[in-house]
Amino acid sequence: MKNRIIELIKEQDRFEIITHEGPDEDSVGSSRALAFALNVLGKTVRLVYPSPIPDSLLFTPEPKQKKGITPQISILLDVSDMKLLGGVKPLGEIVIIDHHRKKEEPEGISWIDPRKSSASEMVYDLIRAMDLEITPAMASNIYMGIFGDTGGFIHSNTTPKVFKTAYELTKAGADPNQIAYKLKKSRSLKYYHILCMIMDRIIQSGKIFGSYIRYRDFGDIRANPEDAAGIIEELASLGGAELVILLRELNPDTVHASIRSKGTESALKTARAFGGGGHGMAAGFTVKGRADELIEQVIEEGMKWVSKG
């Protein structure tokens, strides 16, 4: 299917790249890198993010884009669940590029490869398959995405291929020290206010830890939902935790869950019970409801899978 996507890119001229609500390192890095590649090919492109990019992820180069176009192709990048589009409606023919496992193959043109660490790794492969040079701008964005989705090269999706790709990206101009510093050593004060609030609400059930943050909490501390980016990885580092769950309200009646597990696929199994998806040990879902009312229900579901793990 990758070859069919390359054919479409060559055939068409106007593109939009849409990624998921609550953009992270991978969605931002992969979308910007792919847009740079489309620019090189002389294509017109616009980037669509259902919610704002966190300030902490704005340091990589931004590609040229045109806002007012009518796209022929809508590339959904790093989107495991159509609910994550946050109400954004694709305007062109839909093409999906994603590395998350799905119960069923989506309709239409899709390239789904759960063996890949990230959408950024897939974009790297796509650019190379089109015989394009990896520029420093592309390299920086792809490296950021891979670094983010592998947890800084510590998750189980860190394969020999990932290390080889990271090596090639640094040769192409990515600065691994700067990227690691920006992502790991430049947290805002609001981030720590949110983290403290989440830790105060921790619920522990055996080896499961869960917490939540409400939409109104962000207003109370003059923060945005984007300021909570990366907190799930902090929770995942808790000693003795086999499964961690973070519920974050995207608005007063919509909850997004981020779930991480160690050594088993309990994160994915828990997410699927609520209509979500992802990887075995990194998954999520989005549902209508209130975080403080859902948290114990999600923990209870997680207990079914941790006990079996």
Protein backbone atom coordinates (compact mmCIF):
# COMPACT_ATOMS: atom_id res chain seq x y z
CA MET A 1 0.00 0.00 0.00
CA LYS A 2 2.98 2.31 0.48
CA ASN A 3 3.59 2.21 -3.27
CA ARG A 4 -0.01 3.20 -3.99
CA ILE A 5 0.38 6.20 -1.68
CA ILE A 6 3.53 7.22 -3.56
CA GLU A 7 1.58 7.00 -6.83
CA LEU A 8 -1.13 9.28 -5.42
CA ILE A 9 1.45 11.78 -4.23
CA LYS A 10 2.93 11.90 -7.72
CA GLU A 11 -0.50 12.15 -9.40
CA GLN A 12 -2.11 14.86 -7.25
CA ASP A 13 -1.12 18.43 -6.43
CA ARG A 14 -3.07 19.59 -3.36
CA PHE A 15 -2.81 17.89 0.03
CA GLU A 16 -3.85 18.32 3.63
CA ILE A 17 -2.18 16.41 6.45
CA ILE A 18 -4.39 15.84 9.49
CA THR A 19 -3.25 14.31 12.74
CA HIS A 20 -4.89 13.57 16.06
CA GLU A 21 -6.26 15.78 18.79
CA GLY A 22 -3.65 16.54 21.45
CA PRO A 23 -0.67 16.47 19.07
CA ASP A 24 2.50 14.88 20.44
CA GLU A 25 6.11 14.56 19.29
CA ASP A 26 5.28 11.89 16.73
CA SER A 27 2.25 13.54 15.18
CA VAL A 28 3.97 16.94 14.95
CA GLY A 29 7.28 15.54 13.72
CA SER A 30 5.81 13.17 11.13
CA SER A 31 3.34 15.72 9.74
CA ARG A 32 5.96 18.46 9.39
CA ALA A 33 8.49 16.10 7.80
CA LEU A 34 5.95 14.82 5.28
CA ALA A 35 4.89 18.39 4.46
CA PHE A 36 8.53 19.30 3.78
CA ALA A 37 8.75 16.33 1.40
CA LEU A 38 5.59 17.44 -0.42
CA ASN A 39 7.08 20.95 -0.69
CA VAL A 40 10.18 19.50 -2.35
CA LEU A 41 7.94 17.76 -4.90
CA GLY A 42 6.24 21.06 -5.71
CA LYS A 43 2.95 20.12 -4.05
CA THR A 44 0.64 22.49 -2.22
CA VAL A 45 0.01 21.38 1.36
CA ARG A 46 -1.65 22.50 4.56
CA LEU A 47 -1.32 21.04 8.06
CA VAL A 48 -4.41 20.54 10.22
CA TYR A 49 -4.19 19.97 13.97
CA PRO A 50 -7.55 19.44 15.75
CA SER A 51 -6.08 21.10 18.86
CA PRO A 52 -3.08 23.41 19.29
CA ILE A 53 0.48 22.12 19.25
CA PRO A 54 2.05 22.41 22.74
CA ASP A 55 4.59 25.22 22.96
CA SER A 56 7.23 22.65 23.93
CA LEU A 57 7.00 21.08 20.45
CA LEU A 58 7.28 24.24 18.38
CA PHE A 59 11.08 24.23 18.17
CA THR A 60 11.48 22.09 15.04
CA PRO A 61 11.43 23.69 11.56
CA GLU A 62 7.97 24.42 10.16
CA PRO A 63 7.23 23.74 6.48
CA LYS A 64 5.68 26.10 3.98
CA GLN A 65 1.94 25.62 3.73
CA LYS A 66 -1.11 27.22 2.13
CA LYS A 67 -4.20 27.56 4.30
CA GLY A 68 -6.98 28.22 1.80
CA ILE A 69 -6.64 25.25 -0.54
CA THR A 70 -9.21 22.63 -1.49
CA PRO A 71 -7.20 19.41 -1.04
CA GLN A 72 -7.47 16.47 -3.39
CA ILE A 73 -5.92 14.13 -0.81
CA SER A 74 -6.36 14.13 2.97
CA ILE A 75 -3.54 12.21 4.65
CA LEU A 76 -4.53 11.09 8.15
CA LEU A 77 -1.24 10.62 9.95
CA ASP A 78 -0.78 8.83 13.29
CA VAL A 79 -4.54 8.52 13.67
CA SER A 80 -5.63 5.25 15.29
CA ASP A 81 -9.23 6.29 15.92
CA MET A 82 -11.36 8.65 13.81
CA LYS A 83 -12.73 10.10 17.05
CA LEU A 84 -9.28 11.63 17.58
CA LEU A 85 -9.88 14.04 14.72
CA GLY A 86 -11.82 16.16 17.19
CA GLY A 87 -14.57 17.01 14.73
CA VAL A 88 -12.23 17.90 11.85
CA LYS A 89 -13.70 16.74 8.53
CA PRO A 90 -11.23 15.62 5.84
CA LEU A 91 -11.94 17.47 2.59
CA GLY A 92 -10.16 15.18 0.12
CA GLU A 93 -9.79 11.49 -0.61
CA ILE A 94 -8.66 9.86 2.63
CA VAL A 95 -5.27 8.16 2.91
CA ILE A 96 -4.25 6.72 6.30
CA ILE A 97 -0.65 6.25 7.45
CA ASP A 98 -0.42 4.83 10.97
CA HIS A 99 1.51 2.45 13.20
CA HIS A 100 -1.24 1.59 15.69
CA ARG A 101 -2.91 -1.81 15.71
CA LYS A 102 -6.56 -1.87 14.66
CA LYS A 103 -9.24 -4.53 15.08
CA GLU A 104 -10.25 -4.09 11.45
CA GLU A 105 -8.49 -2.63 8.45
CA PRO A 106 -9.95 0.81 7.66
CA GLU A 107 -11.72 1.34 4.38
CA GLY A 108 -9.95 3.05 1.51
CA ILE A 109 -6.24 3.55 1.03
CA SER A 110 -4.30 2.81 4.19
CA TRP A 111 -0.77 1.85 5.16
CA ILE A 112 -0.87 0.38 8.66
CA ASP A 113 2.30 -1.14 10.11
CA PRO A 114 2.31 -1.89 13.87
CA ARG A 115 5.91 -3.10 13.57
CA LYS A 116 7.05 0.50 13.17
CA SER A 117 7.98 2.52 16.24
CA SER A 118 6.12 5.60 15.09
CA ALA A 119 4.43 7.42 12.25
CA SER A 120 7.68 9.35 11.94
CA GLU A 121 9.60 6.16 11.12
CA MET A 122 6.99 5.41 8.46
CA VAL A 123 7.34 8.89 6.96
CA TYR A 124 11.11 8.37 6.87
CA ASP A 125 10.60 5.15 4.92
CA LEU A 126 8.11 6.87 2.60
CA ILE A 127 10.48 9.75 1.83
CA ARG A 128 13.34 7.36 1.16
CA ALA A 129 11.10 5.25 -1.09
CA MET A 130 10.40 8.41 -3.16
CA ASP A 131 14.18 8.86 -3.62
CA LEU A 132 14.14 12.25 -1.89
CA GLU A 133 17.06 13.58 0.10
CA ILE A 134 16.44 13.81 3.83
CA THR A 135 17.04 17.49 4.56
CA PRO A 136 18.06 18.79 8.01
CA ALA A 137 14.49 20.10 8.51
CA MET A 138 12.99 16.69 7.72
CA ALA A 139 15.61 14.93 9.85
CA SER A 140 14.96 17.10 12.91
CA ASN A 141 11.21 16.51 12.78
CA ILE A 142 11.48 12.77 12.17
CA TYR A 143 14.04 12.37 14.96
CA MET A 144 11.75 14.25 17.37
CA GLY A 145 8.87 11.93 16.49
CA ILE A 146 10.88 8.74 16.91
CA PHE A 147 12.44 9.98 20.15
CA GLY A 148 9.00 10.82 21.53
CA ASP A 149 7.24 7.57 20.64
CA THR A 150 10.10 5.38 21.88
CA GLY A 151 10.24 7.30 25.17
CA GLY A 152 13.77 8.41 24.38
CA PHE A 153 14.77 4.97 23.03
CA ILE A 154 13.66 3.00 26.10
CA HIS A 155 10.33 1.43 25.05
CA SER A 156 10.09 -2.05 23.55
CA ASN A 157 9.45 -0.53 20.10
CA THR A 158 13.11 0.56 20.03
CA THR A 159 14.37 -1.87 17.40
CA PRO A 160 17.76 -2.13 15.66
CA LYS A 161 16.05 -0.44 12.68
CA VAL A 162 15.13 2.49 14.93
CA PHE A 163 18.75 2.97 16.00
CA LYS A 164 19.89 2.75 12.38
CA THR A 165 17.31 5.33 11.35
CA ALA A 166 18.33 7.64 14.21
CA TYR A 167 21.94 7.36 13.08
CA GLU A 168 20.99 8.28 9.50
CA LEU A 169 18.93 11.22 10.75
CA THR A 170 21.82 12.65 12.75
CA LYS A 171 24.01 12.33 9.65
CA ALA A 172 21.32 14.25 7.74
CA GLY A 173 21.34 17.15 10.21
CA ALA A 174 19.21 16.30 13.24
CA ASP A 175 20.77 17.45 16.52
CA PRO A 176 20.07 14.64 19.03
CA ASN A 177 21.35 16.61 22.03
CA GLN A 178 19.18 19.65 21.34
CA ILE A 179 16.09 17.54 20.65
CA ALA A 180 16.53 15.43 23.80
CA TYR A 181 17.12 18.57 25.89
CA LYS A 182 14.05 20.34 24.49
CA LEU A 183 11.82 17.32 25.10
CA LYS A 184 13.16 16.19 28.48
CA LYS A 185 14.73 19.21 30.16
CA SER A 186 12.50 22.15 29.24
CA ARG A 187 9.23 21.55 31.09
CA SER A 188 7.08 24.57 31.92
CA LEU A 189 6.03 25.47 35.46
CA LYS A 190 2.41 24.79 34.42
CA TYR A 191 3.40 21.23 33.53
CA TYR A 192 4.52 20.65 37.11
CA HIS A 193 1.38 22.27 38.53
CA ILE A 194 -0.64 19.79 36.49
CA LEU A 195 1.60 16.89 37.50
CA CYS A 196 1.20 17.74 41.20
CA MET A 197 -2.58 17.86 40.81
CA ILE A 198 -2.59 14.48 39.06
CA MET A 199 -0.32 12.90 41.67
CA ASP A 200 -2.58 14.17 44.47
CA ARG A 201 -5.43 12.19 42.88
CA ILE A 202 -3.55 8.93 42.31
CA ILE A 203 -5.65 5.83 42.87
CA GLN A 204 -3.70 2.60 43.37
CA SER A 205 -5.17 -0.86 42.97
CA GLY A 206 -2.41 -3.43 43.27
CA LYS A 207 -0.02 -2.77 40.40
CA ILE A 208 -2.41 -0.37 38.66
CA PHE A 209 -2.15 3.40 39.11
CA GLY A 210 -4.76 5.78 37.74
CA SER A 211 -5.44 9.49 37.91
CA TYR A 212 -7.26 12.25 36.06
CA ILE A 213 -7.43 15.96 35.37
CA ARG A 214 -10.64 17.83 34.68
CA TYR A 215 -11.16 20.47 32.03
CA ARG A 216 -11.92 23.13 34.62
CA ASP A 217 -8.64 22.37 36.41
CA PHE A 218 -6.72 23.86 33.51
CA GLY A 219 -8.58 27.15 33.92
CA ASP A 220 -7.94 27.18 37.65
CA ILE A 221 -4.16 27.18 37.08
CA ARG A 222 -4.30 29.18 33.81
CA ALA A 223 -3.03 26.25 31.80
CA ASN A 224 -4.16 24.54 28.59
CA PRO A 225 -4.78 20.83 27.96
CA GLU A 226 -1.65 20.91 25.80
CA ASP A 227 0.41 21.70 28.91
CA ALA A 228 -0.25 18.13 30.11
CA ALA A 229 1.63 16.61 27.16
CA GLY A 230 4.07 13.92 28.30
CA ILE A 231 2.70 13.44 31.82
CA ILE A 232 1.62 9.85 31.08
CA GLU A 233 5.29 8.96 30.62
CA GLU A 234 6.06 10.37 34.09
CA LEU A 235 3.37 8.13 35.57
CA ALA A 236 4.70 5.16 33.61
CA SER A 237 7.99 5.48 35.49
CA LEU A 238 6.35 4.71 38.86
CA GLY A 239 8.14 1.82 40.54
CA GLY A 240 5.99 -1.29 40.82
CA ALA A 241 3.43 -0.11 38.28
CA GLU A 242 2.29 -2.66 35.70
CA LEU A 243 -0.45 -0.45 34.26
CA VAL A 244 -0.90 3.34 34.47
CA ILE A 245 -3.98 5.25 33.36
CA LEU A 246 -4.39 9.00 32.89
CA LEU A 247 -7.76 10.49 32.03
CA ARG A 248 -7.73 14.04 30.67
CA GLU A 249 -10.86 15.99 29.84
CA LEU A 250 -10.58 17.59 26.40
CA ASN A 251 -13.74 19.61 27.10
CA PRO A 252 -16.40 19.44 29.85
CA ASP A 253 -17.95 16.24 28.48
CA THR A 254 -15.19 14.47 26.54
CA VAL A 255 -12.42 12.36 28.10
CA HIS A 256 -9.22 11.10 26.51
CA ALA A 257 -7.41 8.21 28.18
CA SER A 258 -3.69 7.54 27.86
CA ILE A 259 -2.65 4.07 29.07
CA ARG A 260 0.77 2.48 29.47
CA SER A 261 1.75 -1.02 30.58
CA LYS A 262 4.96 -2.92 31.23
CA GLY A 263 5.65 -6.34 29.80
CA THR A 264 2.07 -7.20 28.78
CA GLU A 265 -0.55 -5.95 26.34
CA SER A 266 -2.86 -4.85 29.13
CA ALA A 267 -2.81 -1.23 27.92
CA LEU A 268 -4.22 -2.17 24.52
CA LYS A 269 -6.75 -4.63 25.96
CA THR A 270 -7.99 -2.02 28.41
CA ALA A 271 -8.30 0.64 25.71
CA ARG A 272 -10.19 -1.69 23.38
CA ALA A 273 -12.85 -2.25 26.04
CA PHE A 274 -13.74 1.43 25.59
CA GLY A 275 -13.52 1.46 21.80
CA GLY A 276 -9.90 2.62 21.60
CA GLY A 277 -6.67 1.17 20.27
CA GLY A 278 -2.93 1.63 20.00
CA HIS A 279 0.02 -0.63 20.76
CA GLY A 280 0.16 -3.50 23.23
CA MET A 281 1.85 -1.39 25.89
CA ALA A 282 0.78 2.12 24.81
CA ALA A 283 -2.85 2.76 23.97
CA GLY A 284 -5.75 5.13 24.49
CA PHE A 285 -9.36 5.98 23.81
CA THR A 286 -11.72 8.94 23.70
CA VAL A 287 -15.27 8.82 25.08
CA LYS A 288 -18.02 11.10 26.26
CA GLY A 289 -18.16 11.52 30.01
CA ARG A 290 -16.41 12.95 33.03
CA ALA A 291 -12.92 11.93 34.09
CA ASP A 292 -13.60 11.70 37.83
CA GLU A 293 -16.61 9.46 37.16
CA LEU A 294 -14.81 7.16 34.71
CA ILE A 295 -11.47 6.58 36.42
CA GLU A 296 -12.52 3.71 38.70
CA GLN A 297 -14.33 2.00 35.82
CA VAL A 298 -11.18 2.11 33.68
CA ILE A 299 -9.04 0.83 36.56
CA GLU A 300 -11.49 -2.02 37.10
CA GLU A 301 -11.21 -2.98 33.43
CA GLY A 302 -7.43 -2.83 33.64
CA MET A 303 -7.45 -5.25 36.56
CA LYS A 304 -8.86 -7.96 34.29
CA TRP A 305 -5.81 -7.81 32.06
CA VAL A 306 -3.04 -7.19 34.55
CA SER A 307 -4.13 -10.22 36.57
CA LYS A 308 -3.86 -12.30 33.39
CA GLY A 309 -0.49 -10.85 32.43
